[in-house]
Amino acid sequence: MSEDHQRLEQTASAVEDLLYMGVIRLGDKQDLALMSPQFSLVVSNLMPNMKIKEDASSDDIMKLMYYSLLIYMNEHLKMPKPLMMALGNDLEKNRDRMESGELVTTYVAVLTEIWAQNRRQPEK
C-alpha cells in the first residue's frame, strides 16, 4: 500500500472516530466538517488560558486541539481524569513509540485542518 493511500485511510478513520466521539459533525454541505458545539466550547474556553489568538501558528493550534481533545474526552466522554492525565503524560514522553500516539496525532492533525478550513470560510 502506498504511503499516500495509507495516510488517506488513517485520515478517513480519524474522521470516522471523531464523528463517533461527537468531536466533529458534518455541516449542511456534506463536504464540510465542523467542530461540534461541545468541542468548540472546550476550545474557546482553553484559548485565553493558552494565550492563543485567532491567527496563531499551526503549532499553537495543534497544541490547542490536543489539549482540547484530552479535556473533551474527560468532560464529555466521561473518561476518568487520572486516565486522561496519564495518557497525556505518556503521549508527551513516548508518542512516537505508542500506537495511541499515532492515533491522537492523526486526530489532532484532522482537527487542526478543520480549524483552518473553517477560518477560511466566508462569513455568512
N, C-alpha and C. Protein backbone atom coordinates (compact mmCIF):
# COMPACT_ATOMS: atom_id res chain seq x y z
N MET A 1 0.86 -1.19 0.00
CA MET A 1 0.00 0.00 0.00
C MET A 1 0.90 1.24 0.00
N SER A 2 0.58 2.20 -0.87
CA SER A 2 1.40 3.40 -0.95
C SER A 2 1.23 4.24 0.32
N GLU A 3 2.22 5.07 0.58
CA GLU A 3 2.19 5.93 1.77
C GLU A 3 1.01 6.90 1.72
N ASP A 4 0.73 7.44 0.52
CA ASP A 4 -0.41 8.36 0.37
C ASP A 4 -1.73 7.65 0.66
N HIS A 5 -1.86 6.43 0.16
CA HIS A 5 -3.09 5.66 0.38
C HIS A 5 -3.25 5.35 1.88
N GLN A 6 -2.15 4.99 2.52
CA GLN A 6 -2.19 4.68 3.96
C GLN A 6 -2.57 5.94 4.75
N ARG A 7 -2.01 7.09 4.39
CA ARG A 7 -2.33 8.34 5.07
C ARG A 7 -3.80 8.71 4.87
N LEU A 8 -4.31 8.48 3.66
CA LEU A 8 -5.71 8.75 3.37
C LEU A 8 -6.62 7.85 4.22
N GLU A 9 -6.27 6.58 4.35
CA GLU A 9 -7.05 5.66 5.18
C GLU A 9 -7.01 6.07 6.65
N GLN A 10 -5.82 6.49 7.13
CA GLN A 10 -5.70 6.94 8.52
C GLN A 10 -6.57 8.17 8.77
N THR A 11 -6.55 9.09 7.82
CA THR A 11 -7.35 10.32 7.96
C THR A 11 -8.83 10.00 7.94
N ALA A 12 -9.26 9.14 7.02
CA ALA A 12 -10.67 8.75 6.95
C ALA A 12 -11.10 8.07 8.25
N SER A 13 -10.25 7.21 8.78
CA SER A 13 -10.55 6.52 10.03
C SER A 13 -10.63 7.53 11.18
N ALA A 14 -9.73 8.50 11.19
CA ALA A 14 -9.73 9.53 12.24
C ALA A 14 -11.01 10.35 12.18
N VAL A 15 -11.44 10.72 10.96
CA VAL A 15 -12.69 11.47 10.81
C VAL A 15 -13.86 10.65 11.35
N GLU A 16 -13.88 9.38 11.00
CA GLU A 16 -14.94 8.49 11.49
C GLU A 16 -14.93 8.44 13.03
N ASP A 17 -13.75 8.30 13.63
CA ASP A 17 -13.62 8.26 15.09
C ASP A 17 -14.09 9.57 15.72
N LEU A 18 -13.68 10.69 15.14
CA LEU A 18 -14.05 12.00 15.69
C LEU A 18 -15.56 12.23 15.59
N LEU A 19 -16.17 11.76 14.50
CA LEU A 19 -17.63 11.83 14.37
C LEU A 19 -18.29 10.97 15.45
N TYR A 20 -17.77 9.77 15.65
CA TYR A 20 -18.31 8.84 16.63
C TYR A 20 -18.22 9.42 18.05
N MET A 21 -17.11 10.09 18.35
CA MET A 21 -16.93 10.68 19.69
C MET A 21 -17.72 11.98 19.86
N GLY A 22 -18.26 12.51 18.77
CA GLY A 22 -19.01 13.76 18.85
C GLY A 22 -18.12 14.99 18.88
N VAL A 23 -16.86 14.84 18.48
CA VAL A 23 -15.93 15.97 18.45
C VAL A 23 -16.22 16.85 17.24
N ILE A 24 -16.57 16.19 16.13
CA ILE A 24 -16.91 16.92 14.90
C ILE A 24 -18.28 16.45 14.42
N ARG A 25 -18.84 17.20 13.49
CA ARG A 25 -20.08 16.82 12.84
C ARG A 25 -19.97 17.29 11.40
N LEU A 26 -20.82 16.74 10.57
CA LEU A 26 -20.84 17.17 9.18
C LEU A 26 -21.71 18.41 9.06
N GLY A 27 -21.28 19.35 8.24
CA GLY A 27 -22.05 20.56 8.03
C GLY A 27 -23.21 20.31 7.08
N ASP A 28 -23.92 21.37 6.76
CA ASP A 28 -25.05 21.28 5.84
C ASP A 28 -24.58 20.73 4.50
N LYS A 29 -23.43 21.21 4.06
CA LYS A 29 -22.83 20.67 2.86
C LYS A 29 -22.01 19.46 3.31
N GLN A 30 -22.23 18.32 2.73
CA GLN A 30 -21.59 17.07 3.19
C GLN A 30 -20.06 17.11 3.09
N ASP A 31 -19.51 18.02 2.30
CA ASP A 31 -18.06 18.06 2.18
C ASP A 31 -17.41 18.96 3.24
N LEU A 32 -18.19 19.43 4.19
CA LEU A 32 -17.67 20.34 5.20
C LEU A 32 -17.82 19.71 6.59
N ALA A 33 -16.72 19.58 7.28
CA ALA A 33 -16.75 19.09 8.66
C ALA A 33 -16.64 20.29 9.59
N LEU A 34 -17.38 20.22 10.68
CA LEU A 34 -17.37 21.30 11.67
C LEU A 34 -17.08 20.71 13.05
N MET A 35 -16.52 21.52 13.90
CA MET A 35 -16.36 21.09 15.29
C MET A 35 -17.73 21.11 15.94
N SER A 36 -18.01 20.12 16.77
CA SER A 36 -19.30 20.08 17.46
C SER A 36 -19.38 21.26 18.43
N PRO A 37 -20.60 21.67 18.78
CA PRO A 37 -20.73 22.78 19.73
C PRO A 37 -20.02 22.48 21.06
N GLN A 38 -20.08 21.23 21.53
CA GLN A 38 -19.44 20.88 22.79
C GLN A 38 -17.92 21.01 22.70
N PHE A 39 -17.35 20.51 21.59
CA PHE A 39 -15.89 20.60 21.41
C PHE A 39 -15.48 22.06 21.20
N SER A 40 -16.27 22.80 20.43
CA SER A 40 -15.97 24.22 20.20
C SER A 40 -15.94 25.00 21.51
N LEU A 41 -16.83 24.65 22.42
CA LEU A 41 -16.86 25.31 23.73
C LEU A 41 -15.57 25.03 24.50
N VAL A 42 -15.11 23.79 24.48
CA VAL A 42 -13.85 23.45 25.15
C VAL A 42 -12.71 24.28 24.54
N VAL A 43 -12.66 24.32 23.20
CA VAL A 43 -11.61 25.07 22.50
C VAL A 43 -11.66 26.55 22.89
N SER A 44 -12.86 27.14 22.83
CA SER A 44 -12.96 28.58 23.11
C SER A 44 -12.65 28.89 24.58
N ASN A 45 -12.94 27.97 25.48
CA ASN A 45 -12.58 28.19 26.89
C ASN A 45 -11.09 28.04 27.13
N LEU A 46 -10.43 27.22 26.33
CA LEU A 46 -8.99 26.97 26.50
C LEU A 46 -8.13 28.05 25.83
N MET A 47 -8.64 28.65 24.76
CA MET A 47 -7.84 29.64 24.01
C MET A 47 -7.26 30.76 24.89
N PRO A 48 -8.07 31.42 25.71
CA PRO A 48 -7.49 32.50 26.53
C PRO A 48 -6.46 31.99 27.54
N ASN A 49 -6.70 30.80 28.10
CA ASN A 49 -5.75 30.23 29.05
C ASN A 49 -4.40 29.95 28.41
N MET A 50 -4.42 29.54 27.15
CA MET A 50 -3.19 29.24 26.42
C MET A 50 -2.66 30.48 25.70
N LYS A 51 -3.37 31.61 25.84
CA LYS A 51 -3.00 32.87 25.18
C LYS A 51 -2.87 32.68 23.67
N ILE A 52 -3.86 32.01 23.09
CA ILE A 52 -3.87 31.74 21.65
C ILE A 52 -4.86 32.67 20.97
N LYS A 53 -4.39 33.32 19.93
CA LYS A 53 -5.21 34.23 19.14
C LYS A 53 -5.73 33.50 17.91
N GLU A 54 -6.72 34.09 17.24
CA GLU A 54 -7.32 33.50 16.04
C GLU A 54 -6.28 33.22 14.95
N ASP A 55 -5.25 34.06 14.85
CA ASP A 55 -4.26 33.91 13.78
C ASP A 55 -2.98 33.23 14.29
N ALA A 56 -3.10 32.35 15.27
CA ALA A 56 -1.94 31.69 15.87
C ALA A 56 -1.26 30.76 14.86
N SER A 57 -0.03 30.39 15.17
CA SER A 57 0.72 29.48 14.30
C SER A 57 0.08 28.09 14.33
N SER A 58 0.39 27.28 13.32
CA SER A 58 -0.21 25.94 13.27
C SER A 58 0.27 25.09 14.45
N ASP A 59 1.50 25.30 14.94
CA ASP A 59 1.97 24.56 16.12
C ASP A 59 1.10 24.89 17.33
N ASP A 60 0.79 26.17 17.51
CA ASP A 60 -0.06 26.57 18.64
C ASP A 60 -1.46 26.00 18.50
N ILE A 61 -1.98 25.99 17.29
CA ILE A 61 -3.32 25.45 17.06
C ILE A 61 -3.32 23.94 17.31
N MET A 62 -2.25 23.25 16.90
CA MET A 62 -2.16 21.81 17.15
C MET A 62 -2.14 21.53 18.65
N LYS A 63 -1.40 22.33 19.42
CA LYS A 63 -1.38 22.17 20.88
C LYS A 63 -2.78 22.42 21.45
N LEU A 64 -3.44 23.46 20.96
CA LEU A 64 -4.79 23.78 21.40
C LEU A 64 -5.73 22.60 21.12
N MET A 65 -5.66 22.03 19.93
CA MET A 65 -6.53 20.90 19.58
C MET A 65 -6.21 19.68 20.43
N TYR A 66 -4.93 19.44 20.70
CA TYR A 66 -4.50 18.30 21.51
C TYR A 66 -5.06 18.41 22.93
N TYR A 67 -4.83 19.54 23.58
CA TYR A 67 -5.31 19.71 24.95
C TYR A 67 -6.84 19.75 24.99
N SER A 68 -7.45 20.36 23.99
CA SER A 68 -8.91 20.41 23.93
C SER A 68 -9.49 19.00 23.80
N LEU A 69 -8.83 18.15 22.99
CA LEU A 69 -9.30 16.78 22.81
C LEU A 69 -9.22 16.01 24.13
N LEU A 70 -8.12 16.15 24.85
CA LEU A 70 -7.99 15.46 26.14
C LEU A 70 -9.05 15.94 27.13
N ILE A 71 -9.28 17.25 27.18
CA ILE A 71 -10.30 17.80 28.08
C ILE A 71 -11.68 17.31 27.66
N TYR A 72 -11.95 17.34 26.36
CA TYR A 72 -13.24 16.88 25.85
C TYR A 72 -13.48 15.42 26.23
N MET A 73 -12.45 14.59 26.07
CA MET A 73 -12.59 13.17 26.39
C MET A 73 -12.91 12.99 27.87
N ASN A 74 -12.34 13.82 28.73
CA ASN A 74 -12.63 13.75 30.16
C ASN A 74 -14.04 14.25 30.45
N GLU A 75 -14.38 15.44 29.96
CA GLU A 75 -15.64 16.07 30.33
C GLU A 75 -16.85 15.50 29.62
N HIS A 76 -16.74 15.20 28.34
CA HIS A 76 -17.91 14.80 27.56
C HIS A 76 -18.01 13.29 27.34
N LEU A 77 -16.87 12.62 27.29
CA LEU A 77 -16.91 11.17 27.12
C LEU A 77 -16.78 10.46 28.46
N LYS A 78 -16.66 11.26 29.52
CA LYS A 78 -16.60 10.74 30.89
C LYS A 78 -15.43 9.80 31.13
N MET A 79 -14.31 10.05 30.42
CA MET A 79 -13.08 9.29 30.69
C MET A 79 -12.53 9.82 32.01
N PRO A 80 -12.09 8.96 32.91
CA PRO A 80 -11.58 9.43 34.20
C PRO A 80 -10.38 10.36 34.03
N LYS A 81 -10.39 11.44 34.82
CA LYS A 81 -9.32 12.43 34.74
C LYS A 81 -7.92 11.81 34.94
N PRO A 82 -7.74 10.90 35.93
CA PRO A 82 -6.40 10.31 36.08
C PRO A 82 -5.95 9.56 34.82
N LEU A 83 -6.89 8.89 34.14
CA LEU A 83 -6.56 8.18 32.90
C LEU A 83 -6.16 9.18 31.82
N MET A 84 -6.89 10.27 31.68
CA MET A 84 -6.58 11.26 30.65
C MET A 84 -5.25 11.94 30.94
N MET A 85 -4.97 12.23 32.22
CA MET A 85 -3.69 12.85 32.57
C MET A 85 -2.54 11.88 32.30
N ALA A 86 -2.73 10.60 32.64
CA ALA A 86 -1.69 9.60 32.38
C ALA A 86 -1.46 9.45 30.88
N LEU A 87 -2.55 9.42 30.10
CA LEU A 87 -2.42 9.31 28.65
C LEU A 87 -1.68 10.52 28.10
N GLY A 88 -2.06 11.71 28.55
CA GLY A 88 -1.38 12.93 28.10
C GLY A 88 0.10 12.91 28.44
N ASN A 89 0.43 12.50 29.66
CA ASN A 89 1.85 12.42 30.06
C ASN A 89 2.60 11.39 29.22
N ASP A 90 1.99 10.21 29.03
CA ASP A 90 2.63 9.17 28.21
C ASP A 90 2.83 9.64 26.78
N LEU A 91 1.82 10.31 26.22
CA LEU A 91 1.92 10.80 24.85
C LEU A 91 3.05 11.82 24.72
N GLU A 92 3.17 12.70 25.70
CA GLU A 92 4.21 13.73 25.61
C GLU A 92 5.60 13.13 25.71
N LYS A 93 5.74 12.04 26.44
CA LYS A 93 7.06 11.42 26.62
C LYS A 93 7.38 10.39 25.54
N ASN A 94 6.37 9.64 25.10
CA ASN A 94 6.63 8.47 24.25
C ASN A 94 5.77 8.38 23.00
N ARG A 95 5.23 9.49 22.55
CA ARG A 95 4.26 9.47 21.44
C ARG A 95 4.73 8.67 20.24
N ASP A 96 5.98 8.81 19.87
CA ASP A 96 6.49 8.15 18.67
C ASP A 96 6.54 6.64 18.78
N ARG A 97 6.53 6.12 20.01
CA ARG A 97 6.62 4.67 20.21
C ARG A 97 5.28 4.04 20.59
N MET A 98 4.21 4.84 20.57
CA MET A 98 2.90 4.35 21.00
C MET A 98 1.91 4.34 19.85
N GLU A 99 1.16 3.27 19.73
CA GLU A 99 0.12 3.21 18.70
C GLU A 99 -0.93 4.28 18.96
N SER A 100 -1.27 4.49 20.23
CA SER A 100 -2.25 5.53 20.56
C SER A 100 -1.71 6.91 20.22
N GLY A 101 -0.40 7.08 20.28
CA GLY A 101 0.21 8.35 19.92
C GLY A 101 -0.02 8.68 18.46
N GLU A 102 0.08 7.67 17.62
CA GLU A 102 -0.16 7.87 16.18
C GLU A 102 -1.62 8.25 15.94
N LEU A 103 -2.54 7.58 16.64
CA LEU A 103 -3.96 7.90 16.50
C LEU A 103 -4.26 9.33 16.95
N VAL A 104 -3.78 9.69 18.12
CA VAL A 104 -4.05 11.04 18.65
C VAL A 104 -3.43 12.09 17.75
N THR A 105 -2.23 11.82 17.24
CA THR A 105 -1.57 12.76 16.32
C THR A 105 -2.43 12.96 15.07
N THR A 106 -3.01 11.88 14.55
CA THR A 106 -3.87 12.00 13.38
C THR A 106 -5.14 12.77 13.72
N TYR A 107 -5.74 12.50 14.89
CA TYR A 107 -6.92 13.25 15.32
C TYR A 107 -6.61 14.74 15.38
N VAL A 108 -5.48 15.07 15.99
CA VAL A 108 -5.10 16.48 16.14
C VAL A 108 -4.86 17.12 14.77
N ALA A 109 -4.23 16.38 13.86
CA ALA A 109 -4.00 16.92 12.51
C ALA A 109 -5.32 17.19 11.80
N VAL A 110 -6.28 16.27 11.93
CA VAL A 110 -7.59 16.46 11.31
C VAL A 110 -8.29 17.67 11.92
N LEU A 111 -8.27 17.77 13.25
CA LEU A 111 -8.92 18.91 13.92
C LEU A 111 -8.27 20.23 13.54
N THR A 112 -6.94 20.23 13.41
CA THR A 112 -6.22 21.44 13.02
C THR A 112 -6.61 21.86 11.60
N GLU A 113 -6.77 20.89 10.71
CA GLU A 113 -7.18 21.19 9.34
C GLU A 113 -8.61 21.70 9.30
N ILE A 114 -9.50 21.12 10.10
CA ILE A 114 -10.89 21.59 10.16
C ILE A 114 -10.91 23.03 10.68
N TRP A 115 -10.11 23.31 11.70
CA TRP A 115 -9.98 24.67 12.25
C TRP A 115 -9.57 25.63 11.12
N ALA A 116 -8.53 25.26 10.39
CA ALA A 116 -8.01 26.13 9.33
C ALA A 116 -9.05 26.32 8.22
N GLN A 117 -9.72 25.26 7.81
CA GLN A 117 -10.73 25.37 6.75
C GLN A 117 -11.89 26.25 7.19
N ASN A 118 -12.31 26.10 8.43
CA ASN A 118 -13.43 26.90 8.91
C ASN A 118 -13.04 28.37 9.06
N ARG A 119 -11.80 28.65 9.30
CA ARG A 119 -11.32 30.04 9.38
C ARG A 119 -11.30 30.68 7.99
N ARG A 120 -11.09 29.84 6.96
CA ARG A 120 -11.05 30.36 5.57
C ARG A 120 -12.44 30.52 4.97
N GLN A 121 -13.46 29.91 5.58
CA GLN A 121 -14.82 30.01 5.04
C GLN A 121 -15.31 31.45 5.12
N PRO A 122 -15.95 31.96 4.09
CA PRO A 122 -16.51 33.30 4.18
C PRO A 122 -17.64 33.34 5.20
N GLU A 123 -17.73 34.43 5.92
CA GLU A 123 -18.79 34.59 6.92
C GLU A 123 -20.13 34.65 6.23
N LYS A 124 -21.15 34.05 6.85
CA LYS A 124 -22.49 34.07 6.26
C LYS A 124 -23.28 35.21 6.83
